[in-house]
Protein backbone atom coordinates (compact mmCIF):
# COMPACT_ATOMS: atom_id res chain seq x y z
CA MET A 1 0.05 0.03 0.01
CA SER A 2 1.30 3.43 -0.85
CA ILE A 3 2.07 5.63 2.08
CA TYR A 4 0.28 8.39 0.30
CA ALA A 5 -3.20 7.31 1.11
CA PRO A 6 -6.19 9.63 0.32
CA VAL A 7 -7.46 12.01 2.83
CA ALA A 8 -11.04 11.56 1.66
CA PRO A 9 -12.38 10.76 5.17
CA TYR A 10 -11.58 14.30 6.16
CA ILE A 11 -13.29 16.16 3.37
CA PHE A 12 -16.33 18.18 4.35
CA SER A 13 -19.34 17.62 2.13
CA ASP A 14 -19.94 21.39 1.56
CA VAL A 15 -16.21 22.30 0.90
CA GLU A 16 -14.33 21.44 -2.20
CA VAL A 17 -10.87 20.34 -1.00
CA ASN A 18 -7.97 19.93 -3.52
CA ASP A 19 -5.34 17.21 -3.19
CA PRO A 20 -2.49 18.36 -0.98
CA ALA A 21 1.06 18.75 -2.20
CA GLU A 22 2.87 16.28 0.04
CA ASN A 23 6.32 15.72 -1.42
CA GLU A 24 7.92 19.26 -1.56
CA THR A 25 11.32 20.15 -0.72
CA LEU A 26 13.31 23.39 -0.48
CA ALA A 27 17.10 24.13 -0.16
CA LEU A 28 18.59 25.61 2.94
CA ALA A 29 21.60 27.81 3.11
CA ASP A 30 23.83 25.11 4.51
CA GLY A 31 22.95 22.82 1.60
CA ARG A 32 20.48 20.62 3.30
CA ARG A 33 17.11 19.84 1.90
CA LEU A 34 13.91 20.40 4.11
CA GLY A 35 10.80 18.37 3.29
CA TYR A 36 7.37 19.80 3.59
CA ALA A 37 3.69 19.18 2.67
CA GLN A 38 0.97 21.76 2.06
CA TYR A 39 -2.59 21.29 3.30
CA GLY A 40 -5.68 23.38 3.26
CA THR A 41 -5.75 26.25 0.63
CA PRO A 42 -2.65 27.42 -1.11
CA ASP A 43 -3.51 31.18 -0.64
CA GLY A 44 -4.74 30.89 2.94
CA GLN A 45 -3.34 32.24 6.25
CA PRO A 46 0.01 30.62 6.84
CA LEU A 47 0.49 28.12 9.60
CA PHE A 48 3.48 25.93 10.11
CA TYR A 49 2.83 22.50 11.67
CA PHE A 50 5.44 20.51 13.50
CA HIS A 51 4.94 16.71 13.86
CA GLY A 52 5.30 14.45 16.88
CA HIS A 53 7.97 11.83 17.67
CA PRO A 54 8.36 9.80 15.67
CA GLY A 55 6.36 11.25 12.82
CA SER A 56 6.51 13.40 9.61
CA ARG A 57 4.87 15.97 7.55
CA LEU A 58 2.07 13.52 6.72
CA GLU A 59 0.81 13.85 10.22
CA ALA A 60 -0.82 17.15 9.19
CA ARG A 61 -3.23 15.24 6.87
CA PHE A 62 -5.57 15.45 9.77
CA ALA A 63 -5.76 19.18 9.27
CA HIS A 64 -6.38 19.31 5.46
CA ALA A 65 -10.15 19.61 5.25
CA ALA A 66 -10.46 21.86 8.33
CA ALA A 67 -7.79 24.13 7.07
CA ALA A 68 -9.41 24.32 3.64
CA GLN A 69 -12.73 25.20 5.18
CA ALA A 70 -11.29 27.89 7.41
CA GLY A 71 -8.98 29.45 4.72
CA PHE A 72 -5.58 28.30 6.17
CA ARG A 73 -2.45 27.21 4.31
CA VAL A 74 -0.80 24.54 6.54
CA MET A 75 2.79 23.90 5.80
CA ALA A 76 3.94 20.67 7.62
CA LEU A 77 7.73 20.41 7.84
CA ASP A 78 9.82 17.25 8.27
CA ARG A 79 12.49 17.90 10.92
CA PRO A 80 16.04 17.07 10.04
CA GLY A 81 16.48 13.35 9.41
CA TYR A 82 12.74 12.68 9.06
CA GLY A 83 11.01 12.02 5.84
CA LEU A 84 12.45 14.14 3.05
CA SER A 85 14.60 16.28 5.15
CA ASP A 86 18.38 15.74 5.45
CA PHE A 87 19.87 14.77 8.79
CA LYS A 88 21.86 17.49 10.61
CA PRO A 89 24.53 16.03 12.92
CA GLY A 90 24.67 17.61 16.36
CA ARG A 91 21.72 19.91 15.87
CA ALA A 92 20.06 21.60 18.82
CA LEU A 93 16.40 22.26 19.49
CA ARG A 94 17.09 25.99 19.42
CA ASP A 95 18.41 25.66 15.84
CA TRP A 96 14.92 24.86 14.58
CA PRO A 97 13.78 28.44 14.27
CA ASP A 98 16.58 29.20 11.75
CA ASP A 99 15.30 26.35 9.53
CA VAL A 100 11.62 27.59 9.87
CA ALA A 101 12.67 31.20 9.05
CA GLU A 102 14.44 30.01 5.93
CA ALA A 103 11.48 28.00 4.87
CA ALA A 104 9.23 30.87 5.29
CA ASP A 105 11.50 33.10 3.38
CA SER A 106 11.69 30.58 0.56
CA LEU A 107 7.81 30.37 0.53
CA GLY A 108 7.46 34.22 0.56
CA ILE A 109 5.86 34.30 3.96
CA ALA A 110 6.68 37.23 6.34
CA LYS A 111 4.62 36.29 9.34
CA PHE A 112 3.00 33.13 10.40
CA SER A 113 1.48 30.88 13.09
CA VAL A 114 2.98 27.72 14.50
CA ALA A 115 1.49 24.61 15.96
CA GLY A 116 3.16 21.61 17.35
CA ALA A 117 1.70 18.29 18.67
CA SER A 118 3.33 15.93 21.16
CA GLY A 119 7.19 15.98 20.35
CA GLY A 120 6.50 18.91 17.98
CA GLY A 121 5.36 21.08 20.89
CA PRO A 122 8.84 22.08 22.03
CA TYR A 123 9.73 23.00 18.43
CA ALA A 124 6.70 25.34 18.32
CA LEU A 125 7.84 26.98 21.48
CA ALA A 126 11.35 27.27 20.11
CA CYS A 127 9.94 29.21 17.21
CA ALA A 128 7.92 31.45 19.59
CA TRP A 129 11.08 32.13 21.52
CA GLY A 130 13.51 32.51 18.58
CA LEU A 131 11.20 34.37 16.11
CA PRO A 132 9.01 36.64 18.20
CA ALA A 133 8.63 39.23 15.41
CA ARG A 134 7.43 36.77 12.90
CA VAL A 135 5.34 34.27 14.90
CA GLU A 136 1.84 35.58 15.45
CA ARG A 137 0.08 32.71 17.27
CA VAL A 138 1.19 29.48 18.89
CA ALA A 139 -0.61 26.32 19.67
CA VAL A 140 0.77 23.36 21.47
CA ILE A 141 -1.26 20.15 21.56
CA SER A 142 -0.40 17.52 23.93
CA GLY A 143 3.08 18.98 23.97
CA VAL A 144 6.10 17.43 25.69
CA GLY A 145 7.44 19.50 28.53
CA PRO A 146 10.95 19.78 29.97
CA TYR A 147 11.90 16.41 31.65
CA GLN A 148 14.19 17.98 34.24
CA VAL A 149 11.29 19.58 36.29
CA PRO A 150 10.51 17.67 39.45
CA GLY A 151 7.18 15.85 39.22
CA VAL A 152 6.49 16.88 35.59
CA THR A 153 6.38 13.21 34.41
CA LYS A 154 3.67 12.16 37.00
CA GLY A 155 1.12 10.10 35.19
CA MET A 156 3.40 9.31 32.21
CA ARG A 157 3.74 5.80 30.90
CA TRP A 158 6.88 4.52 32.58
CA GLN A 159 8.45 3.26 29.27
CA ASN A 160 8.35 6.89 27.90
CA ARG A 161 9.67 8.38 31.09
CA ILE A 162 12.67 6.08 31.28
CA GLY A 163 13.32 5.97 27.49
CA PHE A 164 13.61 9.81 27.13
CA ARG A 165 15.54 10.27 30.36
CA LEU A 166 18.09 7.54 29.63
CA GLY A 167 18.12 8.04 25.78
CA SER A 168 18.90 11.76 26.39
CA ARG A 169 22.07 10.75 28.37
CA TRP A 170 23.17 7.85 26.09
CA PRO A 171 22.56 8.53 22.44
CA ALA A 172 23.49 4.92 21.61
CA LEU A 173 20.47 3.76 23.57
CA ALA A 174 18.32 6.38 21.77
CA GLY A 175 19.55 4.97 18.54
CA ALA A 176 18.58 1.37 19.63
CA LEU A 177 15.16 2.59 20.59
CA ALA A 178 14.45 4.42 17.30
CA ARG A 179 15.74 1.35 15.22
CA SER A 180 13.21 -0.73 17.22
CA VAL A 181 10.36 1.41 16.22
CA GLN A 182 11.53 1.45 12.58
CA ARG A 183 11.59 -2.31 12.52
CA GLY A 184 8.19 -2.57 13.87
CA ILE A 185 6.57 -0.16 11.49
CA THR A 186 8.39 -1.67 8.54
CA GLN A 187 7.93 -5.31 9.28
CA ARG A 188 4.66 -5.41 11.47
CA PRO A 189 2.73 -2.18 10.71
CA GLU A 190 -0.51 -3.36 12.14
CA GLN A 191 0.96 -4.70 15.33
CA THR A 192 2.91 -1.56 15.85
CA ILE A 193 -0.20 0.59 15.58
CA ASP A 194 -1.96 -1.79 17.98
CA ALA A 195 0.92 -1.58 20.53
CA LEU A 196 0.67 2.30 20.22
CA ALA A 197 -3.01 1.99 20.99
CA ARG A 198 -2.38 -0.15 24.07
CA ALA A 199 0.10 2.48 25.45
CA MET A 200 -2.42 5.27 25.42
CA SER A 201 -5.69 5.96 27.21
CA SER A 202 -9.00 4.16 26.38
CA SER A 203 -10.21 7.17 24.44
CA ASP A 204 -7.11 7.20 22.32
CA ALA A 205 -7.51 3.48 21.61
CA GLU A 206 -11.01 4.10 20.35
CA ILE A 207 -9.64 6.76 17.91
CA VAL A 208 -7.03 4.44 16.69
CA ARG A 209 -9.49 1.75 15.92
CA ARG A 210 -10.93 3.95 13.09
CA PRO A 211 -9.55 2.58 9.70
CA GLU A 212 -8.91 5.96 8.34
CA VAL A 213 -6.85 7.05 11.45
CA ARG A 214 -4.85 3.82 11.33
CA GLU A 215 -3.93 4.44 7.69
CA ILE A 216 -2.73 7.94 8.34
CA LEU A 217 -0.75 6.85 11.46
CA LYS A 218 0.87 4.03 9.56
CA ALA A 219 1.80 6.37 6.81
CA ASP A 220 3.03 9.06 9.16
CA ILE A 221 5.14 6.82 11.11
CA ALA A 222 6.57 4.89 8.18
CA GLU A 223 7.51 8.19 6.48
CA ALA A 224 9.41 9.20 9.63
CA PHE A 225 11.88 6.32 8.82
CA ARG A 226 11.95 6.88 5.09
CA ARG A 227 15.71 7.19 4.96
CA ASP A 228 16.89 5.74 8.42
CA SER A 229 16.28 6.17 12.18
CA ARG A 230 18.75 8.95 12.95
CA GLY A 231 16.26 11.76 13.09
CA ALA A 232 13.90 9.99 15.46
CA ALA A 233 16.89 8.87 17.52
CA TRP A 234 18.34 12.41 17.87
CA ASP A 235 14.94 13.70 18.80
CA ILE A 236 14.90 11.44 21.84
CA VAL A 237 18.18 12.93 22.90
CA LEU A 238 17.05 16.59 22.34
CA LEU A 239 13.53 16.20 23.93
CA GLY A 240 15.09 14.71 27.06
CA ARG A 241 17.75 17.14 27.43
CA PRO A 242 17.38 20.96 28.50
CA TRP A 243 16.01 22.69 25.60
CA GLY A 244 18.47 25.70 25.57
CA PHE A 245 16.00 28.53 25.97
CA SER A 246 13.73 29.72 28.79
CA LEU A 247 10.03 29.40 28.63
CA ARG A 248 9.77 32.70 30.47
CA GLU A 249 11.47 34.42 27.50
CA ILE A 250 8.60 33.59 25.12
CA GLU A 251 6.74 36.71 23.90
CA PRO A 252 3.81 35.58 21.66
CA GLU A 253 0.66 34.11 23.07
CA VAL A 254 0.70 30.44 23.36
CA HIS A 255 -2.38 28.21 23.60
CA LEU A 256 -1.90 24.84 25.33
CA TRP A 257 -4.31 22.09 24.67
CA GLN A 258 -4.13 19.06 26.89
CA GLY A 259 -6.22 15.84 27.34
CA GLU A 260 -6.78 15.04 31.10
CA VAL A 261 -6.22 11.34 30.65
CA ASP A 262 -3.09 11.53 28.46
CA THR A 263 -0.57 8.86 29.36
CA LEU A 264 2.17 9.85 26.86
CA VAL A 265 2.38 13.45 27.77
CA PRO A 266 0.67 13.89 31.18
CA PRO A 267 -1.20 17.01 32.36
CA ALA A 268 1.58 17.91 34.62
CA MET A 269 3.75 18.90 31.70
CA ALA A 270 1.16 21.29 30.38
CA ARG A 271 0.56 22.80 33.81
CA TYR A 272 4.26 23.52 34.19
CA GLN A 273 4.60 25.05 30.70
CA ALA A 274 1.52 27.30 31.36
CA SER A 275 3.11 28.42 34.68
CA GLN A 276 6.29 29.49 32.85
CA ILE A 277 5.10 31.00 29.56
CA PRO A 278 4.08 34.68 30.33
CA ARG A 279 1.20 34.86 27.89
CA SER A 280 -0.20 31.38 28.04
CA HIS A 281 -3.70 30.00 27.86
CA LEU A 282 -4.18 26.32 29.08
CA LYS A 283 -7.32 24.30 28.11
CA PHE A 284 -7.94 20.83 29.51
CA PHE A 285 -10.26 18.25 27.80
CA PRO A 286 -11.82 15.92 30.33
CA GLY A 287 -11.78 12.40 29.30
CA GLU A 288 -9.56 12.95 26.26
CA GLY A 289 -6.06 11.72 25.75
CA HIS A 290 -3.00 12.18 23.58
CA LEU A 291 -4.69 12.14 20.16
CA LEU A 292 -7.27 14.78 21.04
CA ILE A 293 -5.95 16.77 18.01
CA ILE A 294 -7.52 14.35 15.56
CA ASP A 295 -11.05 15.25 16.54
CA ARG A 296 -10.30 18.77 17.70
CA MET A 297 -8.49 19.89 14.64
CA PRO A 298 -11.51 21.88 13.22
CA ASP A 299 -11.72 23.65 16.63
CA LEU A 300 -7.98 24.43 16.63
CA ILE A 301 -7.97 25.85 13.05
CA GLU A 302 -11.03 27.90 14.10
CA ALA A 303 -9.27 29.28 17.09
CA PHE A 304 -6.39 30.32 15.01
CA GLY A 305 -8.72 32.31 12.84
CA GLN A 306 -10.25 34.39 15.59
């Protein structure tokens, strides 16, 4: 099956939605290629979307119809080493704003909003910190928080807690963890998605049972390892280490969306981030888990348009 499955389940009946451009690349100043996909409408309000871990630009397929209906142009970027993007040895999380600024320049975009889900949350916050004059609005959905804060991992699945903490100290271990996921999604995709569902809340498991959601998740994770596992491995290192910037230094408004029963990124992480970011707005969703963005995407897009 092609990893570029149709997004038809997410097309609104009263809105004509064109096929997205999912295999785009652009050249950065240092010679690397950055992969991206465009969803929604090509002439809409610009919004950069940052995928989770492991993931890829294809994760934003969930936004396609909602963005088209609301008049948004969603550009989903592959981080270095994921999908179509070249790996960057030794990169830091705080380097990401430079890549995003170059992408925006190449696409002729002066100002834009950013959104990040799960492991993409810190990258959205990095852009809010590093590009305050260009970033207009910020959304973090089920976003990973700093692991060094006491008590911030309360309620997190123990495998995630230990994996990120130890992987951040020993990159070789992070590499082994990433290669394990790569083998799973390559050799046993259905079982890998089932294992993902078992690791999450019951509300998440119900979402994963939907055939159209499973197809997008399989495509998204498989694309993360299009080249190899280095991008996913280095993300474990970066997300588990200090980020290199202070949340208190973030100037734009940040909207944090968090499911109350999330076991991958627990509510404690959202509470801490809200306590540190000066202009933050935290919204909890009772009974919802890590994948709340899938059903809440129209609400999120609408919020950006206000």
